[in-house]
Every structure is written in C-alpha cells, then in structure tokens.
C-alpha cells in the first residue's frame, strides 16, 4: 500500500502546483512596479532587489564566468509586496532570518510558529511576535546595530521560495500593545517579549530548480486519509467474504 500513498502524493502535488511562467510564479504587482531578468538566467526579480544585490563584485563574477553582467538603472526606492507575495507569506509556518553582527559574520535563524504568524501589515511592512526562547538574542542584538535583514521563505510541497530584503527593528510589547494584539492571540501573549517589524525593501521569487518536495506530517495525513478509508473498506469486505 505504501507505493499507492506516494502515487497519491505525486498526483496531489501536480494538481495543486500553481501556474508558472518559465518555472516562476506569477505575481500581481503594484502599479508602476518593474521587474528584470538576470542576464543569462530565467529568474525574475523585482528591480530594487537587483539594484541591491548586483554589486560590482557580483558583476565582475558574472562577467568572468558568463561574459556579460547585469546593469541596473532607475531602480525604485522600494518594491512593495503584491497579492501573490502576501498570499504566500500568510500560508507559511516558518522562515529563515539572516542578520549580521558587529563581527561581520552573518547569522541565520529559523523562525517558526502557527500558519500566518509572519503578518503582512501593509505592502511595505511585515511583523511577527518574538516569543521567549533560549535567551541568546543573537538576531535581536544584530538588528540593533545593523537593521539589514534577509528573509527566506520556503514552500517545499509546491517547490516555491521567496526571498525578502528589508530593515528590521524590535518594539517593546509593553509600549506597543496594539501590535501585540494584532500579531498574537490571547492564549500566547504572556510569552511574547517583543515585536519585530520589517520595512520591506524588495523581494525575489526563485525558480523551483533543486527544491526537493517535502511534506509535513499534517499534509501527509491529509493526503493519506482517503487511502486509509479505502483500506478500511477493503478490509471490511475481506472479512465479510471470509466469514
């Protein structure tokens, strides 16, 4: 029966996969927002993302390996999140947060919570409640001296990933109760130490290449429910025949 479960998983993945163009998810962009393709690549990025990431050293590396480099002009100050980005973010139960401390070393932290715990407050602002943890406060300390952050959001089931650049700050929940009320439910508020607010600069939808599909236990149980029901029906029929 195990092979049937995998067949069902593959079929469900095919049905649920979203529409792509050249392997990328369509994004409903705000009026006037531009996008650009990297030279020699099919990846679509918002123009400000390219402006930030395509530094001189990156362009030199592109020229060395591919004989051409990306040139960016007239990038906007920011790229606001669209409907597709907001929908994707609201469906996530985890993401990776990259910060940089005084030593110059980057630090990447996994953040998890209930589905939708990373909230889109508006097209230019994200926020999430920061709960009591191991008390290292590495990310909290890092953003106090360098507000630049990178977020990496994964949907392994549908082989999608969204990267976000922004500036983060922490707010004390004692002085911003309205934020805590917006980001948490009443049962968990006693464990919230601070709120992290991220001013979005830009974002990038990556292609699905090399993303291995993975499923949570809840997703597997949902997909296997009909199989279990059918197995129970067949076992009942078999018992009837044998009796």
Foldseek 3Di string as FASTA:
>chain_A
DVVVLVVLLVVVLVVPAADDDVQFHDFDFDPPWDWDDWVPDPFIWTQLVCVVPQDPVNQVVCCVVPVGGDDGDDHDQAGFHTPVRQVQQQQAFKKKKWFAAPVRDIDIDIDGHPRRLFHDPDRFKTKHFDFDDPPPCPVQRRLVVPQWMKMWTDDQSNLKIKIWIWGKHKAACVVVVVVLVVNDPPVCSVGTGIMMMTGTRTMTIDGSPPRHRDDDPVRSCVSCVVVVVVVVVVVVVVVVVVD
